[in-house]
Protein backbone atom coordinates (compact mmCIF):
# COMPACT_ATOMS: atom_id res chain seq x y z
CA VAL A 1 7.23 -36.25 27.32
CA GLN A 2 5.35 -35.01 30.33
CA LEU A 3 1.73 -34.21 30.91
CA VAL A 4 0.68 -32.29 34.13
CA GLU A 5 -3.01 -31.69 34.73
CA SER A 6 -4.37 -28.94 36.98
CA GLY A 7 -7.75 -27.16 37.78
CA GLY A 8 -9.69 -30.00 39.58
CA GLY A 9 -11.90 -29.27 42.59
CA LEU A 10 -15.01 -29.72 44.65
CA LEU A 11 -18.16 -28.01 43.54
CA GLN A 12 -21.88 -28.16 43.54
CA PRO A 13 -23.91 -29.50 40.57
CA GLY A 14 -24.46 -26.96 37.72
CA GLY A 15 -21.10 -25.46 38.45
CA SER A 16 -18.20 -25.06 36.11
CA LEU A 17 -14.56 -25.96 36.04
CA ARG A 18 -11.71 -25.65 33.76
CA LEU A 19 -9.15 -28.42 33.68
CA SER A 20 -5.70 -27.74 31.97
CA CYS A 21 -3.03 -30.16 30.70
CA ALA A 22 0.41 -28.72 30.21
CA ALA A 23 2.42 -30.68 27.90
CA SER A 24 6.22 -30.70 27.69
CA GLY A 25 8.72 -32.67 25.34
CA PHE A 26 6.56 -32.43 22.36
CA THR A 27 4.53 -29.89 20.50
CA ILE A 28 0.75 -30.54 20.97
CA SER A 29 -0.19 -29.04 17.44
CA THR A 30 1.07 -32.37 15.79
CA PHE A 31 -0.45 -34.90 17.91
CA SER A 32 -3.77 -36.20 19.16
CA MET A 33 -4.60 -35.06 22.79
CA ARG A 34 -7.08 -36.79 24.94
CA TRP A 35 -8.98 -36.23 28.37
CA TYR A 36 -10.12 -39.44 30.06
CA ARG A 37 -11.93 -39.89 33.42
CA GLN A 38 -12.13 -42.67 35.87
CA ALA A 39 -14.89 -42.78 38.41
CA PRO A 40 -14.63 -45.05 41.54
CA GLY A 41 -15.39 -48.64 40.73
CA LYS A 42 -15.60 -48.02 37.02
CA GLU A 43 -13.32 -48.28 34.10
CA ARG A 44 -11.44 -45.40 32.56
CA GLU A 45 -13.43 -43.74 29.81
CA LEU A 46 -12.48 -41.23 27.03
CA VAL A 47 -14.28 -37.93 27.69
CA SER A 48 -13.14 -35.71 24.89
CA GLY A 49 -10.04 -35.59 22.35
CA ILE A 50 -8.67 -33.02 20.01
CA ASP A 51 -6.38 -33.97 17.02
CA ASN A 52 -3.63 -31.40 15.89
CA PRO A 53 -4.88 -28.48 18.26
CA GLY A 54 -4.16 -25.22 16.75
CA SER A 55 -2.86 -26.52 13.52
CA ARG A 56 -3.52 -25.10 10.11
CA ALA A 57 -4.72 -28.43 8.94
CA GLY A 58 -7.42 -28.07 11.09
CA GLU A 59 -8.56 -29.46 14.44
CA LYS A 60 -10.99 -32.48 15.04
CA VAL A 61 -12.79 -32.83 18.33
CA VAL A 62 -14.77 -35.88 19.77
CA TYR A 63 -16.80 -35.95 22.75
CA VAL A 64 -18.52 -38.80 24.59
CA ASP A 65 -22.24 -38.40 24.45
CA SER A 66 -22.86 -37.87 28.11
CA VAL A 67 -20.67 -34.55 27.92
CA LYS A 68 -21.69 -33.05 24.51
CA GLY A 69 -22.96 -29.64 24.85
CA ARG A 70 -21.43 -29.17 28.32
CA PHE A 71 -17.65 -29.69 27.78
CA THR A 72 -15.54 -27.96 25.42
CA ILE A 73 -11.96 -28.95 24.57
CA SER A 74 -9.47 -26.43 23.11
CA GLY A 75 -5.71 -26.18 22.52
CA ASP A 76 -3.36 -23.23 23.16
CA ILE A 77 -0.21 -23.91 21.22
CA SER A 78 1.57 -20.84 22.51
CA LYS A 79 1.19 -22.34 25.98
CA ASN A 80 1.40 -25.91 24.81
CA THR A 81 -1.58 -26.85 26.80
CA VAL A 82 -4.87 -28.53 26.17
CA ASP A 83 -7.85 -27.40 28.41
CA LEU A 84 -11.29 -28.72 29.10
CA GLN A 85 -13.94 -26.42 29.97
CA MET A 86 -16.78 -28.13 32.02
CA ASN A 87 -20.14 -26.49 32.39
CA ASN A 88 -23.24 -27.69 34.10
CA LEU A 89 -21.46 -30.40 36.09
CA LYS A 90 -23.47 -33.41 37.22
CA HIS A 91 -22.85 -35.79 40.15
CA GLU A 92 -21.97 -38.31 37.47
CA ASP A 93 -18.92 -36.24 36.24
CA THR A 94 -17.33 -37.06 39.59
CA ALA A 95 -14.02 -38.73 38.63
CA VAL A 96 -10.21 -38.36 38.43
CA TYR A 97 -9.60 -36.78 35.14
CA TYR A 98 -6.46 -37.65 33.07
CA CYS A 99 -4.72 -36.10 30.09
CA SER A 100 -3.19 -38.58 27.58
CA ALA A 101 -0.89 -38.24 24.57
CA LEU A 102 1.79 -40.34 22.82
CA THR A 103 0.72 -43.24 25.17
CA ARG A 104 1.66 -41.12 28.15
CA TRP A 105 -0.51 -40.21 31.01
CA GLY A 106 -0.72 -37.33 33.59
CA GLN A 107 -1.07 -37.82 37.11
CA GLY A 108 -4.78 -37.01 37.16
CA THR A 109 -6.75 -34.26 38.84
CA GLN A 110 -9.89 -34.99 40.97
CA VAL A 111 -13.31 -33.50 40.17
CA THR A 112 -15.83 -34.16 42.67
CA VAL A 113 -19.50 -32.79 42.00
CA SER A 114 -21.48 -32.95 45.30
CA SER A 115 -24.39 -31.02 46.91
């Protein structure tokens, strides 16, 4: 099982980024996928999650209140990836973002929002 995040960067408030988590060793449609983030000096927090992405049984998504209406999680079973579209980014979104599934973690990707 391997998870590899990509798409982080440096941008100004109000901007958008799309993070991607490429999974290997398992099929995302049968598991729960999660995006977490950890800001400097803070604990890691759940940002968003999607259960059974792209499955016929139906997806279930969750978001932390602070990102509702700004972030969208989605799964692409053809690519076995889970993306996190982040819009209207704020300073407080600055963190290392991690993908997680099956008790495994990716290496993280840095998102910095700065004016």
